[in-house]
Protein backbone atom coordinates (compact mmCIF):
# COMPACT_ATOMS: atom_id res chain seq x y z
CA MET A 1 14.24 18.26 11.24
CA GLN A 2 17.95 19.65 10.67
CA LEU A 3 19.31 21.70 7.54
CA LEU A 4 21.55 17.99 6.37
CA ASP A 5 18.19 16.33 6.56
CA TRP A 6 16.22 19.08 3.91
CA LEU A 7 19.29 18.50 1.87
CA VAL A 8 18.51 14.61 1.75
CA ILE A 9 15.22 14.79 0.94
CA GLY A 10 16.15 17.58 -1.88
CA LEU A 11 17.94 15.60 -3.49
CA PHE A 12 15.60 12.72 -3.43
CA PHE A 13 13.19 15.39 -5.19
CA VAL A 14 15.46 16.20 -7.42
CA ALA A 15 16.49 12.08 -8.23
CA LEU A 16 12.22 11.56 -8.78
CA ILE A 17 11.57 15.36 -10.54
CA GLY A 18 14.68 13.44 -13.18
CA ILE A 19 12.92 9.92 -13.73
CA ILE A 20 9.43 12.32 -13.77
CA VAL A 21 10.80 14.49 -16.83
CA TRP A 22 11.95 11.77 -18.72
CA VAL A 23 8.89 9.65 -18.49
CA VAL A 24 6.82 12.63 -19.45
CA ARG A 25 8.66 13.40 -22.74
CA GLN A 26 7.91 10.05 -24.13
CA LYS A 27 4.09 10.10 -26.23
CA GLN A 28 1.15 8.72 -24.48
CA ASN A 29 -0.36 8.38 -27.65
CA ASN A 30 -3.39 5.72 -26.45
CA ALA A 31 -4.15 3.74 -23.74
CA ALA A 32 -1.83 1.29 -23.62
CA ASP A 33 0.47 3.83 -23.58
CA TYR A 34 -0.74 5.56 -21.04
CA PHE A 35 -2.50 2.76 -18.66
CA LEU A 36 -0.45 -0.71 -19.74
CA GLY A 37 3.28 2.38 -20.15
CA GLY A 38 3.44 1.30 -23.96
CA LYS A 39 3.44 -2.62 -22.95
CA ASP A 40 7.25 -2.98 -22.98
CA ALA A 41 7.81 -2.96 -18.53
CA THR A 42 10.76 -5.18 -17.55
CA TRP A 43 10.78 -7.83 -14.53
CA ILE A 44 12.67 -5.44 -12.46
CA ALA A 45 10.02 -2.26 -12.70
CA ILE A 46 7.06 -4.70 -12.38
CA GLY A 47 8.29 -6.28 -9.58
CA ALA A 48 10.04 -2.79 -7.75
CA SER A 49 5.67 -1.47 -8.07
CA ILE A 50 4.52 -4.28 -7.12
CA PHE A 51 6.16 -3.84 -3.96
CA ALA A 52 5.69 -0.04 -3.67
CA SER A 53 2.67 0.19 -4.98
CA ASN A 54 1.40 -2.05 -1.82
CA ILE A 55 3.59 -1.17 0.92
CA GLY A 56 2.48 2.10 1.20
CA SER A 57 2.51 4.68 4.28
CA GLU A 58 -0.88 2.76 5.73
CA HIS A 59 2.11 0.02 6.29
CA LEU A 60 4.21 1.97 7.85
CA ILE A 61 1.85 3.46 9.93
CA GLY A 62 -0.74 0.63 10.16
CA LEU A 63 1.26 -2.45 10.69
CA ALA A 64 3.47 -0.66 13.20
CA GLY A 65 0.32 0.21 14.94
CA SER A 66 -1.11 -2.97 14.56
CA GLY A 67 2.45 -4.51 16.02
CA ALA A 68 2.10 -1.86 18.83
CA ALA A 69 -1.38 -2.69 19.37
CA SER A 70 -1.92 -6.57 19.66
CA GLY A 71 1.40 -7.96 18.18
CA MET A 72 2.59 -10.27 16.33
CA ALA A 73 -1.05 -10.76 15.25
CA MET A 74 -1.48 -9.25 12.05
CA ALA A 75 0.78 -11.01 10.40
CA HIS A 76 -1.40 -13.65 8.81
CA TRP A 77 -2.25 -10.71 6.18
CA GLU A 78 1.87 -9.79 4.74
CA ILE A 79 2.12 -14.27 4.54
CA GLN A 80 -0.38 -14.64 2.00
CA GLY A 81 1.97 -12.66 0.12
CA TRP A 82 3.33 -15.99 -1.46
CA MET A 83 0.33 -15.53 -3.22
CA ILE A 84 1.58 -13.38 -6.12
CA LEU A 85 3.40 -16.44 -7.37
CA ILE A 86 0.38 -17.61 -7.87
CA LEU A 87 -0.27 -14.51 -10.51
CA GLY A 88 2.56 -15.21 -11.87
CA TRP A 89 2.51 -18.93 -13.04
CA VAL A 90 -1.54 -19.24 -13.39
CA PHE A 91 -3.10 -15.97 -13.58
CA VAL A 92 -0.66 -14.18 -15.90
CA PRO A 93 -0.96 -17.07 -18.75
CA PHE A 94 -5.01 -15.97 -18.66
CA TYR A 95 -4.29 -12.56 -18.96
CA SER A 96 -1.50 -12.14 -21.77
CA ARG A 97 -2.88 -14.18 -24.02
CA SER A 98 -6.57 -12.02 -23.41
CA MET A 99 -5.16 -8.80 -24.24
CA VAL A 100 -7.51 -6.93 -21.69
CA PHE A 101 -6.66 -3.95 -19.67
CA THR A 102 -8.91 -4.10 -16.77
CA MET A 103 -9.71 -7.23 -14.30
CA PRO A 104 -13.75 -6.93 -15.19
CA GLU A 105 -13.26 -6.48 -18.53
CA PHE A 106 -10.82 -9.83 -18.46
CA LEU A 107 -14.02 -11.27 -16.76
CA GLU A 108 -16.80 -10.32 -18.91
CA ARG A 109 -15.03 -12.42 -21.46
CA ARG A 110 -15.34 -15.55 -18.99
CA TYR A 111 -18.74 -14.65 -17.91
CA ASN A 112 -20.63 -11.98 -18.96
CA SER A 113 -21.46 -7.88 -18.66
CA ALA A 114 -23.19 -7.71 -16.26
CA SER A 115 -19.83 -9.53 -13.88
CA ARG A 116 -17.72 -6.27 -14.99
CA THR A 117 -19.89 -4.09 -14.18
CA ILE A 118 -20.38 -4.93 -10.47
CA LEU A 119 -16.39 -5.97 -9.92
CA SER A 120 -15.93 -2.12 -12.12
CA LEU A 121 -18.39 -0.71 -8.88
CA ILE A 122 -16.26 -2.53 -6.24
CA SER A 123 -12.84 -2.12 -7.26
CA LEU A 124 -13.58 1.97 -7.12
CA ILE A 125 -15.73 2.17 -3.95
CA SER A 126 -12.93 -0.22 -1.96
CA TYR A 127 -10.29 2.46 -3.52
CA VAL A 128 -12.11 5.26 -2.53
CA LEU A 129 -13.32 3.98 1.08
CA THR A 130 -9.73 2.25 1.22
CA LYS A 131 -6.38 2.51 -0.23
CA VAL A 132 -6.93 6.60 -0.82
CA ALA A 133 -8.25 7.61 2.52
CA VAL A 134 -6.25 5.62 4.31
CA THR A 135 -2.78 6.27 2.61
CA VAL A 136 -3.89 9.44 2.82
CA TYR A 137 -4.63 9.75 6.28
CA ALA A 138 -1.81 7.65 7.42
CA GLY A 139 0.59 10.25 5.09
CA GLY A 140 -0.68 12.94 7.04
CA LEU A 141 -0.39 11.06 10.69
CA VAL A 142 3.40 10.06 9.81
CA PHE A 143 4.03 13.84 8.94
CA GLN A 144 2.87 15.56 11.26
CA GLN A 145 4.02 13.27 13.94
CA VAL A 146 7.91 13.38 12.05
CA PHE A 147 8.40 17.57 11.90
CA GLY A 148 5.93 18.06 15.31
CA ILE A 149 4.21 20.60 13.77
CA ASP A 150 0.57 21.00 14.90
CA THR A 151 -0.70 23.89 12.97
CA LEU A 152 0.32 25.73 9.63
CA TRP A 153 -0.60 29.36 9.01
CA GLY A 154 -3.77 28.49 11.46
CA ILE A 155 -4.46 24.94 9.47
CA ASP A 156 -3.72 22.18 11.42
CA PHE A 157 -0.86 20.69 10.08
CA PHE A 158 -2.54 17.18 8.99
CA TRP A 159 -4.30 18.62 5.64
CA ILE A 160 -1.99 20.53 4.79
CA ALA A 161 1.05 17.44 4.52
CA ALA A 162 -1.52 14.84 3.57
CA ILE A 163 -3.37 17.10 0.85
CA GLY A 164 0.25 18.46 -0.45
CA LEU A 165 1.64 15.17 -1.28
CA VAL A 166 -1.29 14.41 -2.72
CA VAL A 167 -1.63 16.42 -5.31
CA ILE A 168 1.70 16.28 -6.09
CA THR A 169 1.65 12.49 -6.52
CA ALA A 170 -1.85 12.47 -8.03
CA LEU A 171 -0.04 15.36 -11.52
CA TYR A 172 2.84 13.50 -11.80
CA THR A 173 0.43 10.39 -12.56
CA ILE A 174 -1.98 12.15 -14.24
CA PHE A 175 0.34 13.05 -16.74
CA GLY A 176 3.07 11.00 -16.67
CA GLY A 177 0.51 7.50 -16.50
CA MET A 178 1.97 3.72 -15.70
CA LYS A 179 5.50 4.80 -17.23
CA SER A 180 6.19 7.04 -14.25
CA VAL A 181 4.09 4.75 -11.97
CA LEU A 182 6.86 1.78 -12.84
CA TYR A 183 10.14 3.49 -12.99
CA THR A 184 9.10 6.24 -10.06
CA SER A 185 8.75 3.10 -7.76
CA VAL A 186 12.42 1.40 -9.14
CA LEU A 187 13.53 4.89 -6.82
CA GLN A 188 11.33 5.08 -4.10
CA THR A 189 11.43 0.73 -3.29
CA PRO A 190 14.89 0.36 -1.93
CA ILE A 191 15.06 3.47 -0.37
CA LEU A 192 12.31 2.56 1.54
CA LEU A 193 13.71 -0.58 2.41
CA LEU A 194 16.96 1.48 3.71
CA GLY A 195 14.85 4.02 5.72
CA SER A 196 12.76 0.98 7.47
CA LEU A 197 16.11 -1.24 8.06
CA ILE A 198 17.80 1.81 9.86
CA ILE A 199 14.36 2.18 11.79
CA LEU A 200 14.58 -1.71 12.82
CA VAL A 201 18.26 -1.43 13.59
CA LEU A 202 17.64 1.72 16.00
CA GLY A 203 14.99 0.47 17.78
CA LEU A 204 16.67 -2.43 19.08
CA LYS A 205 19.89 -0.86 19.57
CA GLU A 206 17.82 1.46 21.76
CA LEU A 207 15.54 -0.54 23.36
CA GLY A 208 18.94 -3.29 24.56
CA GLY A 209 18.11 -6.14 21.00
CA TRP A 210 15.79 -8.75 20.15
CA ASP A 211 15.34 -10.87 23.44
CA LYS A 212 15.09 -7.89 25.38
CA MET A 213 12.11 -7.03 22.96
CA MET A 214 10.50 -11.01 23.38
CA GLU A 215 10.97 -10.57 27.28
CA ILE A 216 8.88 -7.63 27.48
CA CYS A 217 6.59 -8.17 24.75
CA SER A 218 5.57 -12.04 26.03
CA SER A 219 4.71 -10.89 29.39
CA VAL A 220 2.44 -9.22 28.03
CA GLU A 221 -1.17 -11.47 27.57
CA VAL A 222 -3.43 -10.44 25.34
CA ASN A 223 -6.32 -13.01 26.14
CA GLN A 224 -7.50 -15.14 29.10
CA TYR A 225 -5.50 -17.72 26.98
CA GLY A 226 -2.39 -18.07 27.65
CA ASP A 227 -1.30 -15.77 24.36
CA SER A 228 0.67 -13.04 24.32
CA MET A 229 1.91 -10.11 22.01
CA THR A 230 4.31 -12.73 20.41
CA ASN A 231 2.18 -15.33 19.73
CA LEU A 232 1.72 -15.63 16.13
CA ILE A 233 -0.55 -18.53 16.09
CA ARG A 234 -3.46 -17.99 19.01
CA ASP A 235 -6.19 -19.87 20.75
CA ASN A 236 -8.34 -20.78 18.34
CA ARG A 237 -11.18 -19.31 21.23
CA ASP A 238 -9.49 -15.82 21.23
CA ALA A 239 -12.51 -12.84 20.39
CA GLN A 240 -10.19 -10.78 17.67
CA PHE A 241 -7.37 -13.56 16.11
CA PRO A 242 -8.32 -16.74 16.11
CA TRP A 243 -5.87 -19.34 15.11
CA LEU A 244 -7.89 -20.65 11.91
CA GLY A 245 -10.01 -18.05 11.13
CA ALA A 246 -7.27 -15.28 10.27
CA LEU A 247 -5.66 -18.57 8.88
CA ILE A 248 -8.71 -18.90 5.98
CA GLY A 249 -9.21 -14.97 6.46
CA SER A 250 -6.52 -13.93 5.54
CA ALA A 251 -5.42 -15.94 2.61
CA VAL A 252 -8.96 -15.61 1.51
CA ILE A 253 -8.33 -11.72 1.40
CA GLY A 254 -4.54 -12.78 0.09
CA PHE A 255 -6.12 -15.22 -3.54
CA TRP A 256 -8.19 -11.82 -4.34
CA TYR A 257 -5.95 -9.27 -4.04
CA TRP A 258 -2.46 -10.68 -5.31
CA CYS A 259 -4.30 -12.54 -7.87
CA THR A 260 -7.59 -10.72 -9.01
CA ASP A 261 -7.35 -6.63 -7.44
CA GLN A 262 -6.56 -3.91 -10.26
CA PHE A 263 -4.52 -1.62 -8.20
CA ILE A 264 -2.19 -5.30 -8.24
CA VAL A 265 -2.55 -7.43 -11.94
CA GLN A 266 -2.21 -3.76 -13.80
CA ARG A 267 1.55 -3.94 -13.11
CA VAL A 268 2.26 -7.80 -14.92
CA LEU A 269 0.01 -6.71 -17.61
CA SER A 270 2.34 -3.64 -18.54
CA GLY A 271 4.54 -5.96 -18.80
CA LYS A 272 6.91 -6.54 -22.43
CA ASP A 273 5.93 -10.32 -22.78
CA GLU A 274 4.71 -13.08 -19.58
CA ARG A 275 8.20 -14.27 -19.41
CA GLU A 276 9.16 -10.39 -17.64
CA ALA A 277 5.67 -10.95 -16.30
CA ARG A 278 6.63 -13.65 -14.18
CA ARG A 279 9.62 -12.67 -13.55
CA GLY A 280 8.62 -9.94 -12.29
CA THR A 281 5.65 -12.00 -9.99
CA ILE A 282 9.28 -14.33 -8.53
CA PHE A 283 10.98 -10.46 -7.80
CA GLY A 284 7.81 -9.13 -5.96
CA ALA A 285 7.41 -11.92 -3.90
CA TYR A 286 10.95 -11.84 -2.24
CA LEU A 287 10.29 -8.70 -1.54
CA LYS A 288 6.89 -8.62 0.01
CA LEU A 289 8.89 -11.12 2.39
CA LEU A 290 10.55 -8.13 4.65
CA PRO A 291 6.90 -6.20 5.67
CA VAL A 292 6.86 -8.02 8.57
CA PHE A 293 10.82 -7.14 9.79
CA LEU A 294 11.08 -3.90 9.01
CA PHE A 295 7.66 -2.56 10.02
CA LEU A 296 5.28 -4.45 11.65
CA ILE A 297 8.47 -5.67 14.63
CA PRO A 298 9.60 -1.73 14.75
CA GLY A 299 5.70 -1.04 16.49
CA MET A 300 6.47 -3.32 19.33
CA ILE A 301 9.68 -2.45 19.21
CA ALA A 302 7.99 1.06 20.09
CA PHE A 303 5.60 -0.62 22.75
CA ALA A 304 8.14 -2.29 24.24
CA LEU A 305 10.62 0.77 24.64
CA HIS A 306 7.25 2.36 25.80
CA GLN A 307 6.94 -0.09 28.32
CA SER A 308 10.64 0.69 29.62
CA THR A 309 10.34 3.64 29.73
CA GLY A 310 6.76 4.76 30.42
CA SER A 311 6.67 7.71 28.68
CA PHE A 312 8.12 6.95 24.66
CA LEU A 313 4.46 6.45 22.61
CA PRO A 314 2.01 9.59 22.45
CA VAL A 315 -1.09 8.94 24.92
CA PHE A 316 -4.80 9.75 23.98
CA GLU A 317 -6.48 12.00 26.56
CA ASN A 318 -9.12 8.63 27.75
CA GLY A 319 -5.24 6.75 28.66
CA ASN A 320 -5.18 4.71 25.41
CA LEU A 321 -2.11 4.48 24.03
CA ASN A 322 -1.62 6.19 20.07
CA THR A 323 0.25 3.19 19.02
CA ASP A 324 -0.51 4.44 15.15
CA ALA A 325 2.44 6.66 16.55
CA ALA A 326 4.48 4.13 17.04
CA PHE A 327 6.34 4.25 13.22
CA PRO A 328 6.50 8.60 13.23
CA THR A 329 7.66 8.61 16.84
CA LEU A 330 10.83 6.29 16.09
CA VAL A 331 11.20 8.34 13.97
CA ALA A 332 11.79 11.54 15.77
CA LYS A 333 13.01 10.36 18.78
CA LEU A 334 15.70 8.27 17.51
CA LEU A 335 16.98 9.05 14.60
CA PRO A 336 20.41 11.42 13.94
CA ALA A 337 20.00 14.76 11.64
CA GLY A 338 20.70 12.42 8.08
CA VAL A 339 19.05 9.74 8.86
CA LYS A 340 15.55 11.35 9.57
CA GLY A 341 15.75 12.71 5.87
CA LEU A 342 16.65 9.49 5.05
CA ILE A 343 13.42 7.80 6.22
CA VAL A 344 11.11 10.56 5.80
CA CYS A 345 12.45 10.09 2.01
CA GLY A 346 11.23 6.49 2.30
CA ILE A 347 8.28 7.51 4.10
CA LEU A 348 7.62 9.78 0.97
CA ALA A 349 8.41 7.00 -1.29
CA ALA A 350 5.88 4.34 0.13
CA LEU A 351 3.35 7.01 0.51
CA MET A 352 3.63 8.48 -3.63
CA SER A 353 4.39 5.27 -4.90
CA SER A 354 1.20 3.66 -3.67
CA LEU A 355 -0.92 6.87 -4.43
CA ALA A 356 0.56 6.91 -8.14
CA SER A 357 -0.48 3.18 -8.75
CA LEU A 358 -3.92 3.84 -7.33
CA PHE A 359 -4.96 6.37 -9.30
CA ASN A 360 -3.43 4.40 -12.89
CA SER A 361 -5.43 1.26 -11.78
CA SER A 362 -8.53 3.96 -10.64
CA ALA A 363 -8.29 5.44 -13.85
CA ALA A 364 -8.18 2.41 -16.29
CA LEU A 365 -11.06 0.98 -14.92
CA PHE A 366 -13.30 4.02 -15.76
CA THR A 367 -12.14 4.46 -18.82
CA ILE A 368 -11.75 1.51 -19.77
CA ASP A 369 -14.24 -0.66 -18.52
CA PHE A 370 -17.25 2.71 -18.78
CA TYR A 371 -16.49 5.22 -20.81
CA GLN A 372 -14.88 2.98 -23.92
CA ARG A 373 -17.56 1.06 -23.50
CA TYR A 374 -20.47 2.81 -24.20
CA ARG A 375 -18.17 4.84 -26.49
CA PRO A 376 -16.33 2.35 -28.46
CA ASN A 377 -15.63 4.70 -30.85
CA THR A 378 -14.00 7.31 -28.87
CA ASP A 379 -10.32 8.83 -29.58
CA PRO A 380 -7.64 7.19 -27.78
CA LYS A 381 -6.26 10.85 -27.38
CA LYS A 382 -9.59 11.50 -25.96
CA LEU A 383 -9.43 8.52 -23.89
CA VAL A 384 -6.44 9.90 -22.01
CA ARG A 385 -7.89 13.14 -20.84
CA ILE A 386 -10.73 10.98 -19.51
CA GLY A 387 -8.82 9.07 -17.54
CA GLN A 388 -7.05 12.23 -16.01
CA ALA A 389 -9.85 13.81 -14.81
CA ALA A 390 -11.44 10.10 -13.43
CA THR A 391 -8.07 10.73 -11.07
CA VAL A 392 -8.82 13.60 -9.87
CA VAL A 393 -12.39 12.86 -8.97
CA ILE A 394 -10.69 9.53 -7.28
CA VAL A 395 -8.55 11.79 -5.51
CA ILE A 396 -11.57 14.17 -4.45
CA LEU A 397 -13.26 11.46 -3.15
CA GLY A 398 -11.15 9.85 -0.45
CA ILE A 399 -10.11 13.42 0.70
CA LEU A 400 -13.49 13.72 1.70
CA TRP A 401 -14.30 9.95 3.19
CA ILE A 402 -11.22 10.66 5.31
CA PRO A 403 -12.86 12.21 8.47
CA ILE A 404 -15.57 9.07 8.18
CA MET A 405 -12.70 6.77 8.29
CA ARG A 406 -11.29 8.50 11.22
CA SER A 407 -14.40 7.29 13.26
CA ILE A 408 -15.03 3.87 12.00
CA GLY A 409 -11.03 2.50 12.89
CA ASP A 410 -9.42 2.73 15.88
CA VAL A 411 -6.05 1.12 14.95
CA LEU A 412 -5.47 1.82 10.85
CA TYR A 413 -4.41 -1.37 9.40
CA LEU A 414 -7.54 -3.48 11.61
CA TYR A 415 -9.45 -0.83 10.04
CA LEU A 416 -8.53 -1.62 6.46
CA GLN A 417 -8.56 -5.60 6.42
CA ASP A 418 -12.24 -4.60 7.94
CA VAL A 419 -13.09 -3.42 4.91
CA GLN A 420 -11.44 -5.81 2.95
CA SER A 421 -11.91 -8.99 4.65
CA VAL A 422 -16.07 -7.29 3.31
CA LEU A 423 -15.57 -6.85 -0.26
CA ALA A 424 -12.88 -10.21 -0.37
CA PRO A 425 -15.27 -13.41 -0.25
CA GLY A 426 -17.38 -12.87 -3.42
CA ILE A 427 -14.90 -11.77 -5.72
CA ASP A 428 -12.64 -14.32 -4.43
CA ARG A 429 -15.33 -16.91 -5.22
CA LYS A 430 -16.14 -15.55 -9.07
CA SER A 431 -11.95 -15.87 -9.17
CA THR A 432 -12.05 -19.60 -8.16
CA ARG A 433 -14.60 -20.60 -10.46
CA LEU A 434 -13.36 -18.97 -13.43
CA ASN A 435 -9.74 -20.54 -12.59
CA SER A 436 -11.15 -24.29 -12.68
CA SER A 437 -13.06 -24.39 -15.59
CA HIS A 438 -9.67 -23.28 -17.10
CA PRO A 439 -7.14 -26.38 -16.30
């Protein structure tokens, strides 16, 4: 990292602080202001927030790592992003007209209070086990690789980077609420896209072009049925990614995530009206076409560079490639001064936008579905303070889970999908019944 890189990062933070100060100065008088941004978001803010909330550092690290480890197979989960359109054109009318703050609250109106409690608990637990822990872990890993620092002041730099960024993000989320999430996403999304595009272009240039990547990756067989890293559709006898199982499994997760998960749906609930919410989902769906090219393909490029040079990616003590280091290794080895600073800003944007959305959604679930439910006469301003306290607890629990998560999942993105695969089917079954009962 050179002086020009630090200047670019400094400019990013100046712009970010300016947005946050503007948001914090606006009044947060009640739950609608704090959790739904006063319900006046435009389609640009909604679409950018949907994309930026989804594309966390677990995509930059995890999806790129999956590309380096197994090739195109994990693209199945990204392809299901088209289901954002189902959210806009099927579910938004129900959600908007019910005037709810959370998905469990909506479920209670359709079924009973027990279903609301169960979904709230499942959602909060899943956020800790997947989104918080994975995002914090990925953020710490990428900055350790990019900055090339192992320890600082005698402390593992992984923890300094991860916890430091979490604290910064938590602070502006706590004081700014949903508006800080929405409007910082408008700044963060283009930076994230531009930075990832630069990595893709420079990686292909270093390797020798698209054809060279396809040549190297297609020569690596991933099973005994003739499939290579470049095959998205693999033999149905493949142990990890049988095409039918991958297609159906990713569709189940996609339907739950894009149409019923509080983390995503809260963005459309903040729209000023149904029309803006629907336009926001269209914008978000267009943006969601990009991750396979901007994150997974760079992972395959990193693998191809390692195959051609023999020493591009770091290697574990057991001789296995550290595929989760694919994206930060590309950043550290390929980028010139100034550009590296821009990529770091993109990584910061990914981490902070995803965490900020998560913190606000978690706070909304606890405050609305538990605290206000049992204390309905609570002062509106006190509800905001309760939500702020809930954010702090979620942050601590997520950090405590990281060591356990690291021992479970070898490939970060695979770990994320494994946990979500356990949680999604039961929720989807409930949601499908809900939708089919309202023609």
